[in-house]
Amino acid sequence: MSVAYDPNKLGWPAAAVTTVATLGLLFAAYTIHNNTYRHPRDPMNFQVYHAEDNAQHSAPASHGEAAHEAAPAAEAKH
């Protein structure tokens, strides 16, 4: 054998690549979290989603029709 076996030098390049990749993923997750997270008590949450929530809750006729139409189909299965 022309190369001496030294177990202390094996695997370090793979460990370095894994460490760098992990740090890159952690940085990406931290950046995405900082750019997109809103605290539940953030005043903008109420302003942004209040209209959508009210629109969903103020239209019970469409919910009632969908539930009424789905009921006979459920009874037909039994």
PDB file of N, CA and C in Angstrom:
ATOM      1  N   MET A   1       0.824  -1.180   0.000  1.00  0.00           N
ATOM      2  CA  MET A   1       0.000   0.000   0.000  1.00  0.00           C
ATOM      3  C   MET A   1       0.868   1.244   0.000  1.00  0.00           C
ATOM      4  N   SER A   2       0.496   2.179  -0.860  1.00  0.00           N
ATOM      5  CA  SER A   2       1.282   3.395  -0.933  1.00  0.00           C
ATOM      6  C   SER A   2       0.794   4.459   0.049  1.00  0.00           C
ATOM      7  N   VAL A   3      -0.460   4.370   0.516  1.00  0.00           N
ATOM      8  CA  VAL A   3      -1.000   5.358   1.444  1.00  0.00           C
ATOM      9  C   VAL A   3      -1.224   4.687   2.788  1.00  0.00           C
ATOM     10  N   ALA A   4      -0.737   5.329   3.828  1.00  0.00           N
ATOM     11  CA  ALA A   4      -0.911   4.775   5.169  1.00  0.00           C
ATOM     12  C   ALA A   4      -2.328   5.038   5.659  1.00  0.00           C
ATOM     13  N   TYR A   5      -2.895   4.080   6.362  1.00  0.00           N
ATOM     14  CA  TYR A   5      -4.245   4.191   6.891  1.00  0.00           C
ATOM     15  C   TYR A   5      -4.220   5.003   8.182  1.00  0.00           C
ATOM     16  N   ASP A   6      -4.959   6.132   8.167  1.00  0.00           N
ATOM     17  CA  ASP A   6      -5.048   6.982   9.346  1.00  0.00           C
ATOM     18  C   ASP A   6      -6.531   7.282   9.591  1.00  0.00           C
ATOM     19  N   PRO A   7      -7.164   6.590  10.535  1.00  0.00           N
ATOM     20  CA  PRO A   7      -8.604   6.772  10.741  1.00  0.00           C
ATOM     21  C   PRO A   7      -8.986   8.159  11.256  1.00  0.00           C
ATOM     22  N   ASN A   8      -8.051   8.938  11.734  1.00  0.00           N
ATOM     23  CA  ASN A   8      -8.361  10.279  12.232  1.00  0.00           C
ATOM     24  C   ASN A   8      -8.601  11.282  11.115  1.00  0.00           C
ATOM     25  N   LYS A   9      -8.221  10.987   9.888  1.00  0.00           N
ATOM     26  CA  LYS A   9      -8.373  11.924   8.784  1.00  0.00           C
ATOM     27  C   LYS A   9      -9.522  11.540   7.858  1.00  0.00           C
ATOM     28  N   LEU A  10     -10.250  10.490   8.152  1.00  0.00           N
ATOM     29  CA  LEU A  10     -11.341  10.060   7.286  1.00  0.00           C
ATOM     30  C   LEU A  10     -12.645  10.753   7.683  1.00  0.00           C
ATOM     31  N   GLY A  11     -13.405  11.189   6.715  1.00  0.00           N
ATOM     32  CA  GLY A  11     -14.726  11.736   6.970  1.00  0.00           C
ATOM     33  C   GLY A  11     -14.802  13.211   7.264  1.00  0.00           C
ATOM     34  N   TRP A  12     -13.680  13.898   7.397  1.00  0.00           N
ATOM     35  CA  TRP A  12     -13.737  15.319   7.720  1.00  0.00           C
ATOM     36  C   TRP A  12     -14.321  16.172   6.595  1.00  0.00           C
ATOM     37  N   PRO A  13     -14.038  15.897   5.339  1.00  0.00           N
ATOM     38  CA  PRO A  13     -14.691  16.697   4.287  1.00  0.00           C
ATOM     39  C   PRO A  13     -16.222  16.552   4.313  1.00  0.00           C
ATOM     40  N   ALA A  14     -16.705  15.338   4.528  1.00  0.00           N
ATOM     41  CA  ALA A  14     -18.151  15.136   4.584  1.00  0.00           C
ATOM     42  C   ALA A  14     -18.740  15.847   5.805  1.00  0.00           C
ATOM     43  N   ALA A  15     -18.044  15.816   6.924  1.00  0.00           N
ATOM     44  CA  ALA A  15     -18.520  16.509   8.119  1.00  0.00           C
ATOM     45  C   ALA A  15     -18.554  18.016   7.900  1.00  0.00           C
ATOM     46  N   ALA A  16     -17.559  18.540   7.200  1.00  0.00           N
ATOM     47  CA  ALA A  16     -17.527  19.982   6.922  1.00  0.00           C
ATOM     48  C   ALA A  16     -18.671  20.384   6.000  1.00  0.00           C
ATOM     49  N   VAL A  17     -18.933  19.586   4.968  1.00  0.00           N
ATOM     50  CA  VAL A  17     -20.036  19.889   4.042  1.00  0.00           C
ATOM     51  C   VAL A  17     -21.373  19.823   4.783  1.00  0.00           C
ATOM     52  N   THR A  18     -21.548  18.826   5.627  1.00  0.00           N
ATOM     53  CA  THR A  18     -22.782  18.691   6.392  1.00  0.00           C
ATOM     54  C   THR A  18     -22.980  19.867   7.342  1.00  0.00           C
ATOM     55  N   THR A  19     -21.918  20.302   7.977  1.00  0.00           N
ATOM     56  CA  THR A  19     -22.005  21.435   8.898  1.00  0.00           C
ATOM     57  C   THR A  19     -22.357  22.718   8.161  1.00  0.00           C
ATOM     58  N   VAL A  20     -21.722  22.960   7.033  1.00  0.00           N
ATOM     59  CA  VAL A  20     -22.008  24.169   6.254  1.00  0.00           C
ATOM     60  C   VAL A  20     -23.444  24.139   5.731  1.00  0.00           C
ATOM     61  N   ALA A  21     -23.897  22.977   5.266  1.00  0.00           N
ATOM     62  CA  ALA A  21     -25.270  22.862   4.777  1.00  0.00           C
ATOM     63  C   ALA A  21     -26.273  23.095   5.902  1.00  0.00           C
ATOM     64  N   THR A  22     -26.002  22.565   7.073  1.00  0.00           N
ATOM     65  CA  THR A  22     -26.887  22.758   8.215  1.00  0.00           C
ATOM     66  C   THR A  22     -26.949  24.224   8.618  1.00  0.00           C
ATOM     67  N   LEU A  23     -25.821  24.881   8.661  1.00  0.00           N
ATOM     68  CA  LEU A  23     -25.808  26.310   8.997  1.00  0.00           C
ATOM     69  C   LEU A  23     -26.559  27.125   7.947  1.00  0.00           C
ATOM     70  N   GLY A  24     -26.437  26.759   6.687  1.00  0.00           N
ATOM     71  CA  GLY A  24     -27.177  27.445   5.632  1.00  0.00           C
ATOM     72  C   GLY A  24     -28.681  27.268   5.782  1.00  0.00           C
ATOM     73  N   LEU A  25     -29.121  26.053   6.109  1.00  0.00           N
ATOM     74  CA  LEU A  25     -30.546  25.813   6.316  1.00  0.00           C
ATOM     75  C   LEU A  25     -31.071  26.549   7.542  1.00  0.00           C
ATOM     76  N   LEU A  26     -30.284  26.584   8.602  1.00  0.00           N
ATOM     77  CA  LEU A  26     -30.695  27.334   9.794  1.00  0.00           C
ATOM     78  C   LEU A  26     -30.827  28.824   9.495  1.00  0.00           C
ATOM     79  N   PHE A  27     -29.902  29.369   8.740  1.00  0.00           N
ATOM     80  CA  PHE A  27     -29.967  30.783   8.364  1.00  0.00           C
ATOM     81  C   PHE A  27     -31.199  31.047   7.497  1.00  0.00           C
ATOM     82  N   ALA A  28     -31.486  30.150   6.551  1.00  0.00           N
ATOM     83  CA  ALA A  28     -32.659  30.314   5.689  1.00  0.00           C
ATOM     84  C   ALA A  28     -33.945  30.254   6.511  1.00  0.00           C
ATOM     85  N   ALA A  29     -34.043  29.317   7.447  1.00  0.00           N
ATOM     86  CA  ALA A  29     -35.238  29.205   8.282  1.00  0.00           C
ATOM     87  C   ALA A  29     -35.404  30.448   9.155  1.00  0.00           C
ATOM     88  N   TYR A  30     -34.326  30.953   9.708  1.00  0.00           N
ATOM     89  CA  TYR A  30     -34.370  32.158  10.540  1.00  0.00           C
ATOM     90  C   TYR A  30     -34.818  33.367   9.716  1.00  0.00           C
ATOM     91  N   THR A  31     -34.301  33.489   8.511  1.00  0.00           N
ATOM     92  CA  THR A  31     -34.669  34.610   7.644  1.00  0.00           C
ATOM     93  C   THR A  31     -36.138  34.542   7.258  1.00  0.00           C
ATOM     94  N   ILE A  32     -36.613  33.357   6.873  1.00  0.00           N
ATOM     95  CA  ILE A  32     -38.021  33.209   6.497  1.00  0.00           C
ATOM     96  C   ILE A  32     -38.912  33.499   7.699  1.00  0.00           C
ATOM     97  N   HIS A  33     -38.536  33.019   8.861  1.00  0.00           N
ATOM     98  CA  HIS A  33     -39.324  33.266  10.076  1.00  0.00           C
ATOM     99  C   HIS A  33     -39.413  34.754  10.383  1.00  0.00           C
ATOM    100  N   ASN A  34     -38.305  35.456  10.303  1.00  0.00           N
ATOM    101  CA  ASN A  34     -38.309  36.890  10.591  1.00  0.00           C
ATOM    102  C   ASN A  34     -39.126  37.676   9.578  1.00  0.00           C
ATOM    103  N   ASN A  35     -39.162  37.230   8.329  1.00  0.00           N
ATOM    104  CA  ASN A  35     -39.880  37.973   7.299  1.00  0.00           C
ATOM    105  C   ASN A  35     -41.371  37.668   7.269  1.00  0.00           C
ATOM    106  N   THR A  36     -41.802  36.538   7.810  1.00  0.00           N
ATOM    107  CA  THR A  36     -43.198  36.150   7.651  1.00  0.00           C
ATOM    108  C   THR A  36     -43.970  36.001   8.956  1.00  0.00           C
ATOM    109  N   TYR A  37     -43.341  35.911  10.101  1.00  0.00           N
ATOM    110  CA  TYR A  37     -44.053  35.655  11.354  1.00  0.00           C
ATOM    111  C   TYR A  37     -44.766  36.899  11.839  1.00  0.00           C
ATOM    112  N   ARG A  38     -46.009  36.706  12.259  1.00  0.00           N
ATOM    113  CA  ARG A  38     -46.757  37.774  12.918  1.00  0.00           C
ATOM    114  C   ARG A  38     -47.220  37.251  14.267  1.00  0.00           C
ATOM    115  N   HIS A  39     -47.005  38.024  15.286  1.00  0.00           N
ATOM    116  CA  HIS A  39     -47.441  37.647  16.629  1.00  0.00           C
ATOM    117  C   HIS A  39     -48.971  37.647  16.660  1.00  0.00           C
ATOM    118  N   PRO A  40     -49.590  36.730  17.398  1.00  0.00           N
ATOM    119  CA  PRO A  40     -51.056  36.694  17.438  1.00  0.00           C
ATOM    120  C   PRO A  40     -51.700  37.988  17.924  1.00  0.00           C
ATOM    121  N   ARG A  41     -51.017  38.765  18.740  1.00  0.00           N
ATOM    122  CA  ARG A  41     -51.572  40.040  19.209  1.00  0.00           C
ATOM    123  C   ARG A  41     -51.121  41.218  18.359  1.00  0.00           C
ATOM    124  N   ASP A  42     -50.544  40.961  17.207  1.00  0.00           N
ATOM    125  CA  ASP A  42     -50.115  42.028  16.317  1.00  0.00           C
ATOM    126  C   ASP A  42     -51.356  42.747  15.774  1.00  0.00           C
ATOM    127  N   PRO A  43     -51.411  44.067  15.870  1.00  0.00           N
ATOM    128  CA  PRO A  43     -52.603  44.787  15.405  1.00  0.00           C
ATOM    129  C   PRO A  43     -52.881  44.590  13.917  1.00  0.00           C
ATOM    130  N   MET A  44     -51.887  44.322  13.133  1.00  0.00           N
ATOM    131  CA  MET A  44     -52.109  44.119  11.692  1.00  0.00           C
ATOM    132  C   MET A  44     -52.871  42.828  11.411  1.00  0.00           C
ATOM    133  N   ASN A  45     -52.776  41.852  12.278  1.00  0.00           N
ATOM    134  CA  ASN A  45     -53.530  40.623  12.065  1.00  0.00           C
ATOM    135  C   ASN A  45     -55.021  40.904  12.034  1.00  0.00           C
ATOM    136  N   PHE A  46     -55.499  41.742  12.957  1.00  0.00           N
ATOM    137  CA  PHE A  46     -56.914  42.080  12.995  1.00  0.00           C
ATOM    138  C   PHE A  46     -57.311  42.832  11.737  1.00  0.00           C
ATOM    139  N   GLN A  47     -56.513  43.779  11.314  1.00  0.00           N
ATOM    140  CA  GLN A  47     -56.860  44.589  10.156  1.00  0.00           C
ATOM    141  C   GLN A  47     -56.841  43.785   8.869  1.00  0.00           C
ATOM    142  N   VAL A  48     -55.900  42.882   8.744  1.00  0.00           N
ATOM    143  CA  VAL A  48     -55.752  42.147   7.496  1.00  0.00           C
ATOM    144  C   VAL A  48     -56.797  41.056   7.380  1.00  0.00           C
ATOM    145  N   TYR A  49     -57.028  40.308   8.440  1.00  0.00           N
ATOM    146  CA  TYR A  49     -57.877  39.128   8.341  1.00  0.00           C
ATOM    147  C   TYR A  49     -59.299  39.338   8.840  1.00  0.00           C
ATOM    148  N   HIS A  50     -59.597  40.483   9.450  1.00  0.00           N
ATOM    149  CA  HIS A  50     -60.926  40.706  10.004  1.00  0.00           C
ATOM    150  C   HIS A  50     -61.990  40.694   8.904  1.00  0.00           C
ATOM    151  N   ALA A  51     -61.723  41.338   7.796  1.00  0.00           N
ATOM    152  CA  ALA A  51     -62.704  41.377   6.710  1.00  0.00           C
ATOM    153  C   ALA A  51     -62.946  39.990   6.138  1.00  0.00           C
ATOM    154  N   GLU A  52     -61.902  39.190   5.985  1.00  0.00           N
ATOM    155  CA  GLU A  52     -62.066  37.840   5.458  1.00  0.00           C
ATOM    156  C   GLU A  52     -62.858  36.966   6.429  1.00  0.00           C
ATOM    157  N   ASP A  53     -62.578  37.087   7.712  1.00  0.00           N
ATOM    158  CA  ASP A  53     -63.305  36.296   8.703  1.00  0.00           C
ATOM    159  C   ASP A  53     -64.772  36.684   8.741  1.00  0.00           C
ATOM    160  N   ASN A  54     -65.063  37.984   8.677  1.00  0.00           N
ATOM    161  CA  ASN A  54     -66.453  38.427   8.683  1.00  0.00           C
ATOM    162  C   ASN A  54     -67.176  37.982   7.422  1.00  0.00           C
ATOM    163  N   ALA A  55     -66.517  37.974   6.298  1.00  0.00           N
ATOM    164  CA  ALA A  55     -67.146  37.538   5.056  1.00  0.00           C
ATOM    165  C   ALA A  55     -67.521  36.063   5.131  1.00  0.00           C
ATOM    166  N   GLN A  56     -66.693  35.255   5.749  1.00  0.00           N
ATOM    167  CA  GLN A  56     -66.991  33.829   5.872  1.00  0.00           C
ATOM    168  C   GLN A  56     -68.148  33.600   6.833  1.00  0.00           C
ATOM    169  N   HIS A  57     -68.229  34.378   7.906  1.00  0.00           N
ATOM    170  CA  HIS A  57     -69.252  34.156   8.913  1.00  0.00           C
ATOM    171  C   HIS A  57     -70.570  34.843   8.572  1.00  0.00           C
ATOM    172  N   SER A  58     -70.549  35.814   7.688  1.00  0.00           N
ATOM    173  CA  SER A  58     -71.775  36.556   7.394  1.00  0.00           C
ATOM    174  C   SER A  58     -72.578  35.907   6.273  1.00  0.00           C
ATOM    175  N   ALA A  59     -72.109  34.856   5.672  1.00  0.00           N
ATOM    176  CA  ALA A  59     -72.828  34.211   4.571  1.00  0.00           C
ATOM    177  C   ALA A  59     -73.275  32.807   4.976  1.00  0.00           C
ATOM    178  N   PRO A  60     -74.225  32.684   5.938  1.00  0.00           N
ATOM    179  CA  PRO A  60     -74.641  31.351   6.366  1.00  0.00           C
ATOM    180  C   PRO A  60     -75.517  30.645   5.334  1.00  0.00           C
ATOM    181  N   ALA A  61     -76.111  31.384   4.390  1.00  0.00           N
ATOM    182  CA  ALA A  61     -76.987  30.752   3.405  1.00  0.00           C
ATOM    183  C   ALA A  61     -76.208  29.758   2.548  1.00  0.00           C
ATOM    184  N   SER A  62     -75.010  30.112   2.144  1.00  0.00           N
ATOM    185  CA  SER A  62     -74.240  29.193   1.315  1.00  0.00           C
ATOM    186  C   SER A  62     -73.799  27.985   2.127  1.00  0.00           C
ATOM    187  N   HIS A  63     -73.528  28.187   3.420  1.00  0.00           N
ATOM    188  CA  HIS A  63     -73.152  27.050   4.262  1.00  0.00           C
ATOM    189  C   HIS A  63     -74.349  26.141   4.491  1.00  0.00           C
ATOM    190  N   GLY A  64     -75.524  26.753   4.696  1.00  0.00           N
ATOM    191  CA  GLY A  64     -76.723  25.956   4.938  1.00  0.00           C
ATOM    192  C   GLY A  64     -77.110  25.143   3.717  1.00  0.00           C
ATOM    193  N   GLU A  65     -76.973  25.719   2.548  1.00  0.00           N
ATOM    194  CA  GLU A  65     -77.313  24.985   1.326  1.00  0.00           C
ATOM    195  C   GLU A  65     -76.356  23.826   1.112  1.00  0.00           C
ATOM    196  N   ALA A  66     -75.077  24.064   1.349  1.00  0.00           N
ATOM    197  CA  ALA A  66     -74.104  22.996   1.141  1.00  0.00           C
ATOM    198  C   ALA A  66     -74.332  21.866   2.133  1.00  0.00           C
ATOM    199  N   ALA A  67     -74.654  22.196   3.364  1.00  0.00           N
ATOM    200  CA  ALA A  67     -74.895  21.155   4.359  1.00  0.00           C
ATOM    201  C   ALA A  67     -76.193  20.417   4.047  1.00  0.00           C
ATOM    202  N   HIS A  68     -77.199  21.141   3.545  1.00  0.00           N
ATOM    203  CA  HIS A  68     -78.482  20.521   3.227  1.00  0.00           C
ATOM    204  C   HIS A  68     -78.347  19.572   2.037  1.00  0.00           C
ATOM    205  N   GLU A  69     -77.545  19.955   1.044  1.00  0.00           N
ATOM    206  CA  GLU A  69     -77.345  19.103  -0.127  1.00  0.00           C
ATOM    207  C   GLU A  69     -76.498  17.885   0.202  1.00  0.00           C
ATOM    208  N   ALA A  70     -75.590  18.011   1.151  1.00  0.00           N
ATOM    209  CA  ALA A  70     -74.708  16.895   1.488  1.00  0.00           C
ATOM    210  C   ALA A  70     -75.421  15.867   2.368  1.00  0.00           C
ATOM    211  N   ALA A  71     -76.458  16.277   3.096  1.00  0.00           N
ATOM    212  CA  ALA A  71     -77.135  15.360   4.016  1.00  0.00           C
ATOM    213  C   ALA A  71     -77.802  14.188   3.296  1.00  0.00           C
ATOM    214  N   PRO A  72     -78.554  14.368   2.190  1.00  0.00           N
ATOM    215  CA  PRO A  72     -79.159  13.194   1.533  1.00  0.00           C
ATOM    216  C   PRO A  72     -78.115  12.218   0.999  1.00  0.00           C
ATOM    217  N   ALA A  73     -76.997  12.714   0.567  1.00  0.00           N
ATOM    218  CA  ALA A  73     -75.948  11.820   0.060  1.00  0.00           C
ATOM    219  C   ALA A  73     -75.402  10.962   1.192  1.00  0.00           C
ATOM    220  N   ALA A  74     -75.285  11.540   2.379  1.00  0.00           N
ATOM    221  CA  ALA A  74     -74.792  10.781   3.519  1.00  0.00           C
ATOM    222  C   ALA A  74     -75.811   9.731   3.933  1.00  0.00           C
ATOM    223  N   GLU A  75     -77.110  10.069   3.861  1.00  0.00           N
ATOM    224  CA  GLU A  75     -78.145   9.112   4.219  1.00  0.00           C
ATOM    225  C   GLU A  75     -78.223   7.981   3.199  1.00  0.00           C
ATOM    226  N   ALA A  76     -77.933   8.262   1.956  1.00  0.00           N
ATOM    227  CA  ALA A  76     -78.021   7.241   0.908  1.00  0.00           C
ATOM    228  C   ALA A  76     -76.950   6.181   1.086  1.00  0.00           C
ATOM    229  N   LYS A  77     -75.836   6.513   1.680  1.00  0.00           N
ATOM    230  CA  LYS A  77     -74.776   5.543   1.892  1.00  0.00           C
ATOM    231  C   LYS A  77     -75.172   4.484   2.900  1.00  0.00           C
ATOM    232  N   HIS A  78     -75.989   4.871   3.889  1.00  0.00           N
ATOM    233  CA  HIS A  78     -76.365   3.938   4.948  1.00  0.00           C
ATOM    234  C   HIS A  78     -77.405   3.068   4.402  1.00  0.00           C
TER     235      HIS A  78
END
